[in-house]
Amino acid sequence: LGESGGGLVQAGGSLRLSCAASGR
């Protein structure tokens, strides 16, 4: 598994994290 999408955001804001998986 590998996560992405984090960062710095102000209170009240939004973020979307993704977790990509290898394997069938």
PDB file of all heavy atoms in Angstrom:
ATOM      1  N   LEU A   1       0.826  -1.203   0.000  1.00  0.00           N
ATOM      2  CA  LEU A   1       0.000   0.000   0.000  1.00  0.00           C
ATOM      3  C   LEU A   1       0.861   1.254   0.000  1.00  0.00           C
ATOM      4  O   LEU A   1       1.932   1.284   0.621  1.00  0.00           O
ATOM      5  CB  LEU A   1      -0.896   0.008   1.243  1.00  0.00           C
ATOM      6  CG  LEU A   1      -1.788  -1.223   1.433  1.00  0.00           C
ATOM      7  CD1 LEU A   1      -2.499  -1.156   2.776  1.00  0.00           C
ATOM      8  CD2 LEU A   1      -2.789  -1.327   0.299  1.00  0.00           C
ATOM      9  N   GLY A   2       0.363   2.297  -0.664  1.00  0.00           N
ATOM     10  CA  GLY A   2       1.054   3.571  -0.676  1.00  0.00           C
ATOM     11  C   GLY A   2       0.065   4.717  -0.608  1.00  0.00           C
ATOM     12  O   GLY A   2      -0.821   4.823  -1.465  1.00  0.00           O
ATOM     13  N   GLU A   3       0.194   5.561   0.421  1.00  0.00           N
ATOM     14  CA  GLU A   3      -0.714   6.679   0.610  1.00  0.00           C
ATOM     15  C   GLU A   3      -0.189   7.933  -0.080  1.00  0.00           C
ATOM     16  O   GLU A   3       1.016   8.119  -0.236  1.00  0.00           O
ATOM     17  CB  GLU A   3      -0.890   6.996   2.107  1.00  0.00           C
ATOM     18  CG  GLU A   3      -1.413   5.860   2.948  1.00  0.00           C
ATOM     19  CD  GLU A   3      -0.304   5.027   3.555  1.00  0.00           C
ATOM     20  OE1 GLU A   3       0.826   5.044   3.017  1.00  0.00           O
ATOM     21  OE2 GLU A   3      -0.548   4.346   4.576  1.00  0.00           O
ATOM     22  N   SER A   4      -1.107   8.821  -0.456  1.00  0.00           N
ATOM     23  CA  SER A   4      -0.771  10.118  -1.024  1.00  0.00           C
ATOM     24  C   SER A   4      -1.912  11.081  -0.763  1.00  0.00           C
ATOM     25  O   SER A   4      -2.997  10.667  -0.341  1.00  0.00           O
ATOM     26  CB  SER A   4      -0.505  10.014  -2.530  1.00  0.00           C
ATOM     27  OG  SER A   4      -1.658   9.557  -3.206  1.00  0.00           O
ATOM     28  N   GLY A   5      -1.648  12.360  -1.006  1.00  0.00           N
ATOM     29  CA  GLY A   5      -2.697  13.362  -0.890  1.00  0.00           C
ATOM     30  C   GLY A   5      -2.646  14.227   0.353  1.00  0.00           C
ATOM     31  O   GLY A   5      -3.454  15.140   0.505  1.00  0.00           O
ATOM     32  N   GLY A   6      -1.713  13.923   1.251  1.00  0.00           N
ATOM     33  CA  GLY A   6      -1.595  14.751   2.438  1.00  0.00           C
ATOM     34  C   GLY A   6      -1.048  16.131   2.111  1.00  0.00           C
ATOM     35  O   GLY A   6      -0.620  16.404   0.989  1.00  0.00           O
ATOM     36  N   GLY A   7      -1.060  16.996   3.109  1.00  0.00           N
ATOM     37  CA  GLY A   7      -0.535  18.337   2.916  1.00  0.00           C
ATOM     38  C   GLY A   7      -0.934  19.260   4.044  1.00  0.00           C
ATOM     39  O   GLY A   7      -1.419  18.816   5.095  1.00  0.00           O
ATOM     40  N   LEU A   8      -0.725  20.548   3.813  1.00  0.00           N
ATOM     41  CA  LEU A   8      -1.065  21.585   4.784  1.00  0.00           C
ATOM     42  C   LEU A   8      -2.334  22.276   4.332  1.00  0.00           C
ATOM     43  O   LEU A   8      -2.447  22.715   3.174  1.00  0.00           O
ATOM     44  CB  LEU A   8       0.081  22.597   4.870  1.00  0.00           C
ATOM     45  CG  LEU A   8      -0.156  23.844   5.736  1.00  0.00           C
ATOM     46  CD1 LEU A   8      -0.359  23.452   7.192  1.00  0.00           C
ATOM     47  CD2 LEU A   8       1.021  24.810   5.584  1.00  0.00           C
ATOM     48  N   VAL A   9      -3.298  22.391   5.244  1.00  0.00           N
ATOM     49  CA  VAL A   9      -4.575  23.005   4.920  1.00  0.00           C
ATOM     50  C   VAL A   9      -5.043  23.808   6.122  1.00  0.00           C
ATOM     51  O   VAL A   9      -4.708  23.474   7.269  1.00  0.00           O
ATOM     52  CB  VAL A   9      -5.607  21.929   4.518  1.00  0.00           C
ATOM     53  CG1 VAL A   9      -5.887  20.984   5.664  1.00  0.00           C
ATOM     54  CG2 VAL A   9      -6.884  22.544   3.977  1.00  0.00           C
ATOM     55  N   GLN A  10      -5.804  24.864   5.863  1.00  0.00           N
ATOM     56  CA  GLN A  10      -6.356  25.655   6.958  1.00  0.00           C
ATOM     57  C   GLN A  10      -7.570  24.970   7.562  1.00  0.00           C
ATOM     58  O   GLN A  10      -8.246  24.168   6.893  1.00  0.00           O
ATOM     59  CB  GLN A  10      -6.752  27.036   6.452  1.00  0.00           C
ATOM     60  CG  GLN A  10      -5.576  27.942   6.124  1.00  0.00           C
ATOM     61  CD  GLN A  10      -6.003  29.364   5.825  1.00  0.00           C
ATOM     62  OE1 GLN A  10      -7.119  29.596   5.359  1.00  0.00           O
ATOM     63  NE2 GLN A  10      -5.123  30.315   6.078  1.00  0.00           N
ATOM     64  N   ALA A  11      -7.840  25.268   8.809  1.00  0.00           N
ATOM     65  CA  ALA A  11      -9.020  24.726   9.468  1.00  0.00           C
ATOM     66  C   ALA A  11     -10.265  25.061   8.650  1.00  0.00           C
ATOM     67  O   ALA A  11     -10.406  26.168   8.131  1.00  0.00           O
ATOM     68  CB  ALA A  11      -9.143  25.290  10.869  1.00  0.00           C
ATOM     69  N   GLY A  12     -11.143  24.071   8.531  1.00  0.00           N
ATOM     70  CA  GLY A  12     -12.334  24.218   7.716  1.00  0.00           C
ATOM     71  C   GLY A  12     -12.161  23.754   6.282  1.00  0.00           C
ATOM     72  O   GLY A  12     -13.149  23.627   5.548  1.00  0.00           O
ATOM     73  N   GLY A  13     -10.929  23.500   5.895  1.00  0.00           N
ATOM     74  CA  GLY A  13     -10.648  23.062   4.527  1.00  0.00           C
ATOM     75  C   GLY A  13     -10.837  21.572   4.335  1.00  0.00           C
ATOM     76  O   GLY A  13     -11.310  20.866   5.236  1.00  0.00           O
ATOM     77  N   SER A  14     -10.471  21.114   3.138  1.00  0.00           N
ATOM     78  CA  SER A  14     -10.681  19.720   2.757  1.00  0.00           C
ATOM     79  C   SER A  14      -9.415  19.141   2.128  1.00  0.00           C
ATOM     80  O   SER A  14      -8.608  19.872   1.537  1.00  0.00           O
ATOM     81  CB  SER A  14     -11.825  19.593   1.748  1.00  0.00           C
ATOM     82  OG  SER A  14     -13.045  20.041   2.289  1.00  0.00           O
ATOM     83  N   LEU A  15      -9.285  17.848   2.257  1.00  0.00           N
ATOM     84  CA  LEU A  15      -8.242  17.082   1.576  1.00  0.00           C
ATOM     85  C   LEU A  15      -8.823  15.725   1.212  1.00  0.00           C
ATOM     86  O   LEU A  15      -9.719  15.221   1.897  1.00  0.00           O
ATOM     87  CB  LEU A  15      -7.022  16.861   2.468  1.00  0.00           C
ATOM     88  CG  LEU A  15      -6.020  17.997   2.665  1.00  0.00           C
ATOM     89  CD1 LEU A  15      -4.976  17.586   3.693  1.00  0.00           C
ATOM     90  CD2 LEU A  15      -5.362  18.391   1.358  1.00  0.00           C
ATOM     91  N   ARG A  16      -8.300  15.133   0.147  1.00  0.00           N
ATOM     92  CA  ARG A  16      -8.648  13.758  -0.185  1.00  0.00           C
ATOM     93  C   ARG A  16      -7.383  12.922  -0.224  1.00  0.00           C
ATOM     94  O   ARG A  16      -6.481  13.190  -1.027  1.00  0.00           O
ATOM     95  CB  ARG A  16      -9.381  13.648  -1.519  1.00  0.00           C
ATOM     96  CG  ARG A  16      -9.922  12.241  -1.757  1.00  0.00           C
ATOM     97  CD  ARG A  16     -10.740  12.104  -3.017  1.00  0.00           C
ATOM     98  NE  ARG A  16      -9.906  11.913  -4.202  1.00  0.00           N
ATOM     99  CZ  ARG A  16     -10.316  11.300  -5.311  1.00  0.00           C
ATOM    100  NH1 ARG A  16     -11.540  10.807  -5.375  1.00  0.00           N
ATOM    101  NH2 ARG A  16      -9.513  11.207  -6.346  1.00  0.00           N
ATOM    102  N   LEU A  17      -7.333  11.940   0.624  1.00  0.00           N
ATOM    103  CA  LEU A  17      -6.214  11.006   0.652  1.00  0.00           C
ATOM    104  C   LEU A  17      -6.527   9.810  -0.240  1.00  0.00           C
ATOM    105  O   LEU A  17      -7.677   9.389  -0.352  1.00  0.00           O
ATOM    106  CB  LEU A  17      -5.949  10.523   2.076  1.00  0.00           C
ATOM    107  CG  LEU A  17      -5.735  11.597   3.139  1.00  0.00           C
ATOM    108  CD1 LEU A  17      -5.404  10.930   4.472  1.00  0.00           C
ATOM    109  CD2 LEU A  17      -4.658  12.572   2.737  1.00  0.00           C
ATOM    110  N   SER A  18      -5.475   9.287  -0.850  1.00  0.00           N
ATOM    111  CA  SER A  18      -5.596   8.087  -1.668  1.00  0.00           C
ATOM    112  C   SER A  18      -4.646   7.029  -1.137  1.00  0.00           C
ATOM    113  O   SER A  18      -3.572   7.346  -0.632  1.00  0.00           O
ATOM    114  CB  SER A  18      -5.250   8.386  -3.130  1.00  0.00           C
ATOM    115  OG  SER A  18      -6.133   9.335  -3.680  1.00  0.00           O
ATOM    116  N   CYS A  19      -5.049   5.796  -1.286  1.00  0.00           N
ATOM    117  CA  CYS A  19      -4.214   4.653  -0.914  1.00  0.00           C
ATOM    118  C   CYS A  19      -4.248   3.676  -2.082  1.00  0.00           C
ATOM    119  O   CYS A  19      -5.276   3.036  -2.330  1.00  0.00           O
ATOM    120  CB  CYS A  19      -4.737   4.013   0.358  1.00  0.00           C
ATOM    121  SG  CYS A  19      -3.907   2.466   0.809  1.00  0.00           S
ATOM    122  N   ALA A  20      -3.138   3.607  -2.790  1.00  0.00           N
ATOM    123  CA  ALA A  20      -3.039   2.721  -3.943  1.00  0.00           C
ATOM    124  C   ALA A  20      -2.457   1.381  -3.514  1.00  0.00           C
ATOM    125  O   ALA A  20      -1.480   1.325  -2.756  1.00  0.00           O
ATOM    126  CB  ALA A  20      -2.160   3.354  -5.011  1.00  0.00           C
ATOM    127  N   ALA A  21      -3.057   0.320  -4.010  1.00  0.00           N
ATOM    128  CA  ALA A  21      -2.643  -1.028  -3.630  1.00  0.00           C
ATOM    129  C   ALA A  21      -2.112  -1.796  -4.829  1.00  0.00           C
ATOM    130  O   ALA A  21      -2.624  -1.662  -5.945  1.00  0.00           O
ATOM    131  CB  ALA A  21      -3.817  -1.782  -3.023  1.00  0.00           C
ATOM    132  N   SER A  22      -1.095  -2.570  -4.581  1.00  0.00           N
ATOM    133  CA  SER A  22      -0.610  -3.495  -5.597  1.00  0.00           C
ATOM    134  C   SER A  22      -1.176  -4.877  -5.298  1.00  0.00           C
ATOM    135  O   SER A  22      -1.570  -5.158  -4.168  1.00  0.00           O
ATOM    136  CB  SER A  22       0.916  -3.563  -5.586  1.00  0.00           C
ATOM    137  OG  SER A  22       1.368  -4.087  -4.352  1.00  0.00           O
ATOM    138  N   GLY A  23      -1.240  -5.725  -6.297  1.00  0.00           N
ATOM    139  CA  GLY A  23      -1.736  -7.076  -6.073  1.00  0.00           C
ATOM    140  C   GLY A  23      -3.149  -7.262  -6.593  1.00  0.00           C
ATOM    141  O   GLY A  23      -3.969  -6.345  -6.556  1.00  0.00           O
ATOM    142  N   ARG A  24      -3.420  -8.457  -7.053  1.00  0.00           N
ATOM    143  CA  ARG A  24      -4.705  -8.729  -7.684  1.00  0.00           C
ATOM    144  C   ARG A  24      -5.816  -9.028  -6.690  1.00  0.00           C
ATOM    145  O   ARG A  24      -6.956  -9.158  -7.073  1.00  0.00           O
ATOM    146  CB  ARG A  24      -4.554  -9.912  -8.640  1.00  0.00           C
ATOM    147  CG  ARG A  24      -3.683  -9.599  -9.850  1.00  0.00           C
ATOM    148  CD  ARG A  24      -3.469 -10.840 -10.685  1.00  0.00           C
ATOM    149  NE  ARG A  24      -2.629 -11.807 -10.009  1.00  0.00           N
ATOM    150  CZ  ARG A  24      -2.315 -12.987 -10.522  1.00  0.00           C
ATOM    151  NH1 ARG A  24      -2.798 -13.363 -11.694  1.00  0.00           N
ATOM    152  NH2 ARG A  24      -1.532 -13.814  -9.850  1.00  0.00           N
TER     153      ARG A  24
END
